[in-house]
Protein backbone atom coordinates (compact mmCIF):
# COMPACT_ATOMS: atom_id res chain seq x y z
CA MET A 1 3.83 -11.12 -4.97
CA ASP A 2 2.82 -10.21 -8.46
CA ILE A 3 -0.38 -11.74 -9.47
CA GLY A 4 0.21 -11.16 -13.10
CA ASN A 5 -2.57 -10.37 -15.70
CA HIS A 6 -3.90 -13.82 -16.44
CA PRO A 7 -7.51 -13.58 -17.59
CA ALA A 8 -8.71 -15.61 -15.01
CA ILE A 9 -7.62 -13.29 -12.52
CA ARG A 10 -9.78 -10.70 -11.11
CA ARG A 11 -8.90 -7.81 -8.82
CA ARG A 12 -10.97 -5.91 -6.03
CA THR A 13 -9.43 -2.83 -4.47
CA GLY A 14 -10.33 -1.01 -1.47
CA LEU A 15 -10.82 -1.71 2.17
CA LEU A 16 -12.69 -4.52 3.56
CA ASP A 17 -14.47 -5.34 7.08
CA GLU A 18 -15.28 -8.12 8.57
CA PRO A 19 -18.79 -8.85 7.01
CA GLN A 20 -17.81 -7.30 3.77
CA LEU A 21 -14.59 -9.94 3.47
CA ALA A 22 -16.81 -12.61 4.14
CA ARG A 23 -19.64 -11.41 1.98
CA LEU A 24 -17.06 -11.39 -0.92
CA LEU A 25 -15.50 -14.81 -0.48
CA LEU A 26 -19.39 -16.17 -0.04
CA ASP A 27 -20.46 -14.56 -3.47
CA GLU A 28 -17.40 -15.45 -5.19
CA ARG A 29 -17.70 -18.87 -3.88
CA ILE A 30 -13.85 -19.02 -2.89
CA ARG A 31 -12.82 -22.54 -1.73
CA GLY A 32 -9.62 -21.25 -0.47
CA VAL A 33 -7.84 -17.99 1.03
CA VAL A 34 -4.21 -17.09 0.10
CA ASP A 35 -2.87 -14.26 2.39
CA ALA A 36 -0.47 -12.21 0.49
CA THR A 37 -0.48 -9.11 2.15
CA HIS A 38 2.46 -6.71 3.36
CA PRO A 39 4.84 -8.54 5.96
CA TYR A 40 4.18 -5.57 8.07
CA ALA A 41 0.46 -5.30 7.70
CA GLU A 42 -1.38 -5.49 10.98
CA ALA A 43 -4.96 -5.71 10.48
CA ILE A 44 -6.01 -7.47 6.76
CA GLY A 45 -3.89 -10.78 7.51
CA PRO A 46 -5.66 -11.36 11.12
CA LEU A 47 -9.00 -10.41 9.61
CA ALA A 48 -8.27 -12.48 6.50
CA ARG A 49 -7.27 -15.72 8.91
CA LYS A 50 -10.40 -14.97 11.05
CA VAL A 51 -12.74 -14.69 8.15
CA ALA A 52 -11.44 -18.27 6.49
CA GLY A 53 -11.92 -19.89 9.64
CA GLN A 54 -15.25 -18.90 10.56
CA LEU A 55 -15.97 -19.93 6.72
CA HIS A 56 -14.21 -23.35 7.28
CA LEU A 57 -11.77 -22.11 4.29
CA PRO A 58 -8.61 -23.29 4.14
CA TYR A 59 -5.91 -20.39 4.86
CA PHE A 60 -2.26 -20.03 3.76
CA ARG A 61 0.16 -17.28 4.54
CA TRP A 62 2.47 -16.08 1.76
CA LEU A 63 5.31 -14.09 3.19
CA ARG A 64 7.89 -12.51 0.72
CA PRO A 65 11.49 -13.67 1.39
CA ALA A 66 13.30 -11.24 3.30
CA ALA A 67 16.04 -8.91 1.57
CA LEU A 68 18.10 -7.64 4.56
CA SER A 69 18.94 -11.19 6.22
CA GLY A 70 22.65 -11.55 6.38
CA ALA A 71 23.46 -7.91 5.93
CA SER A 72 25.99 -7.10 8.56
CA GLU A 73 25.89 -3.10 7.84
CA ILE A 74 22.55 -2.61 8.80
CA LEU A 75 21.25 -1.51 12.23
CA SER A 76 17.89 -3.26 13.59
CA ALA A 77 15.31 -1.69 15.50
CA ALA A 78 12.29 -3.71 17.13
CA ASP A 79 9.94 -0.91 16.57
CA HIS A 80 9.57 2.26 15.20
CA ALA A 81 10.39 4.34 18.71
CA GLU A 82 13.39 2.44 18.48
CA ALA A 83 14.41 3.29 15.11
CA ALA A 84 13.33 6.79 15.47
CA VAL A 85 16.08 7.20 18.43
CA LEU A 86 18.59 4.96 16.79
CA ALA A 87 18.26 7.05 13.20
CA PHE A 88 18.69 10.31 14.75
CA SER A 89 21.78 9.27 16.71
CA PHE A 90 24.13 10.10 13.85
CA GLY A 91 23.42 13.68 14.09
CA ALA A 92 22.50 14.19 10.43
CA PRO A 93 18.99 14.40 8.93
CA VAL A 94 17.16 11.38 8.30
CA LEU A 95 15.02 9.52 5.26
CA LEU A 96 12.09 7.51 6.27
CA THR A 97 11.06 4.92 3.30
CA ILE A 98 8.34 3.54 5.53
CA GLY A 99 5.12 4.56 4.18
CA SER A 100 2.70 6.82 6.03
CA LYS A 101 1.29 5.26 8.97
CA ASN A 102 4.26 5.39 11.25
CA LEU A 103 5.64 8.59 10.77
CA ASP A 104 4.63 10.56 14.45
CA PRO A 105 7.64 9.00 16.50
CA TYR A 106 10.25 10.16 13.63
CA VAL A 107 8.76 13.49 13.59
CA ARG A 108 8.85 14.23 17.43
CA GLU A 109 12.15 12.91 17.41
CA SER A 110 13.21 14.93 14.79
CA ARG A 111 11.74 18.14 16.67
CA LYS A 112 13.13 17.09 20.15
CA ILE A 113 16.75 16.75 18.14
CA GLY A 114 16.61 19.70 15.73
CA LEU A 115 17.45 17.72 12.82
CA PRO A 116 15.18 17.13 9.41
CA VAL A 117 13.06 14.53 8.99
CA ILE A 118 12.35 13.74 5.04
CA ALA A 119 9.39 11.43 4.55
CA ARG A 120 8.87 9.65 1.06
CA VAL A 121 5.64 8.43 0.90
CA LEU A 122 3.02 7.13 -2.13
CA ASP A 123 1.44 10.09 -4.00
CA HIS A 124 -2.05 9.53 -2.40
CA PRO A 125 -4.50 11.97 -0.67
CA ASP A 126 -4.26 9.83 2.50
CA SER A 127 -0.43 9.78 2.70
CA ARG A 128 -0.35 13.50 1.98
CA THR A 129 -2.78 14.10 4.56
CA ALA A 130 -1.07 11.83 7.00
CA CYS A 131 2.16 14.08 6.51
CA GLN A 132 0.33 17.35 6.89
CA LYS A 133 -1.43 16.33 9.85
CA LEU A 134 1.99 15.54 11.60
CA GLY A 135 3.39 19.29 10.45
CA LEU A 136 5.69 18.11 7.87
CA PRO A 137 6.45 21.18 5.45
CA PRO A 138 6.00 19.93 1.71
CA GLU A 139 9.61 20.26 0.75
CA LEU A 140 10.47 17.50 3.22
CA VAL A 141 8.00 15.33 1.81
CA ILE A 142 8.66 13.26 -1.30
CA THR A 143 5.69 11.85 -3.23
CA GLY A 144 5.88 8.94 -5.83
CA LYS A 145 5.42 4.99 -6.21
CA GLY A 146 8.49 2.52 -5.84
CA PRO A 147 10.39 0.69 -6.04
CA PHE A 148 13.27 3.55 -6.75
CA SER A 149 16.27 2.68 -8.42
CA VAL A 150 19.85 2.91 -6.91
CA GLU A 151 20.47 6.03 -8.81
CA GLU A 152 16.92 7.67 -7.69
CA ASN A 153 17.98 6.49 -3.94
CA ARG A 154 21.29 7.99 -3.95
CA SER A 155 20.09 11.58 -5.31
CA THR A 156 17.79 11.71 -2.57
CA ILE A 157 20.44 10.78 -0.08
CA ARG A 158 22.55 13.48 -1.62
CA ASP A 159 20.17 16.00 -2.15
CA PHE A 160 18.84 16.13 1.86
CA ARG A 161 22.29 15.27 3.05
CA ILE A 162 21.04 11.84 4.53
CA GLY A 163 22.69 10.28 7.52
CA ALA A 164 20.26 7.38 8.13
CA LEU A 165 18.18 5.71 6.00
CA VAL A 166 14.91 3.72 7.70
CA THR A 167 13.33 1.13 6.00
CA LYS A 168 11.10 -1.99 6.51
CA ASP A 169 12.16 -5.36 5.21
CA SER A 170 9.35 -5.67 2.86
CA GLY A 171 11.58 -7.78 0.06
CA LYS A 172 12.99 -7.25 -3.22
CA ALA A 173 9.37 -6.13 -4.53
CA GLY A 174 9.58 -3.44 -2.05
CA GLY A 175 12.91 -1.96 -3.69
CA VAL A 176 15.42 -3.07 -0.42
CA PRO A 177 18.12 -3.95 -2.33
CA GLU A 178 18.29 -0.76 -4.02
CA LYS A 179 18.06 1.17 -1.04
CA LEU A 180 20.81 -0.97 0.62
CA GLU A 181 23.19 -0.37 -2.37
CA ALA A 182 22.47 3.58 -2.54
CA ALA A 183 23.00 3.35 1.09
CA ARG A 184 26.33 1.68 0.85
CA LYS A 185 27.58 4.04 -2.05
CA GLU A 186 26.59 7.19 -0.59
CA GLY A 187 27.91 6.31 3.10
CA CYS A 188 24.60 6.26 4.74
CA ARG A 189 23.60 4.46 7.40
CA VAL A 190 20.63 2.22 7.37
CA VAL A 191 18.04 1.63 9.93
CA VAL A 192 15.45 -1.40 9.41
CA VAL A 193 12.50 -1.98 11.58
CA ARG A 194 12.21 -5.79 12.10
CA ARG A 195 9.43 -7.70 10.53
CA PRO A 196 6.51 -8.81 13.23
CA GLU A 197 6.72 -12.87 13.51
CA PRO A 198 3.95 -14.39 11.49
CA PRO A 199 1.30 -16.39 13.68
CA GLY A 200 1.37 -19.93 12.55
CA GLU A 201 2.92 -21.88 9.62
CA TYR A 202 3.57 -19.73 6.67
CA PHE A 203 5.44 -20.12 3.12
CA ASP A 204 7.89 -18.57 1.61
CA GLN A 205 8.50 -20.60 -1.84
CA VAL A 206 6.03 -20.40 -4.47
CA ASP A 207 6.13 -23.76 -5.50
CA ARG A 208 5.48 -25.59 -1.99
CA LEU A 209 2.50 -22.89 -1.57
CA ILE A 210 1.08 -24.03 -4.98
CA ASN A 211 1.64 -27.77 -4.05
CA VAL A 212 -0.29 -27.21 -0.70
CA LEU A 213 -2.78 -25.46 -2.19
CA LEU A 214 -3.46 -27.66 -4.74
CA GLU A 215 -3.73 -30.76 -2.22
CA ALA A 216 -5.94 -28.87 -0.07
CA LEU A 217 -8.45 -28.24 -2.79
CA THR A 218 -8.37 -31.14 -4.72
CA PRO A 219 -11.65 -33.57 -4.22
């Protein structure tokens, strides 16, 4: 969700634990929480729900609309372990566009099969460190900030002779349509790690979310 640059919008960056998040909500006199975290986020979403409940604040989950629903040419995997086996089953190098937190099963499968794995990650110290710890050589690590264009994806697929591209369905904001189109044009397979099921009710239409939010906050 693009929050824009309205003068009434303030940003706070960095990790928050439970006490820090609770203190932030109290200090800022927050009246409601909209959880717009990444569809695959494992920690902050449940934490936001928990803290909102403790403070008796209305909580709403916004979920980016999926970009790969109905795409028949993709191959779906339940988790990263399954995706790694599937991606390397085509006998060609694999391109990872999943971030840096779940690289381990792909690196292990790469070494087992004897095929290269190329990781495209954020140009951030934590991402580079994650790749280094797993022993990925620098020439097989691409750093940058997406979303990447169709041509940029095509160029990477060609340069490394990629046979399978692994992605998460992080929606249009995550550059998924561009990845899919590039893979189609280059004859590359696409393996997608399925989204975890969000707990409870969620919203994927902004207008509906705003209406419900206003209703909950109107005295």
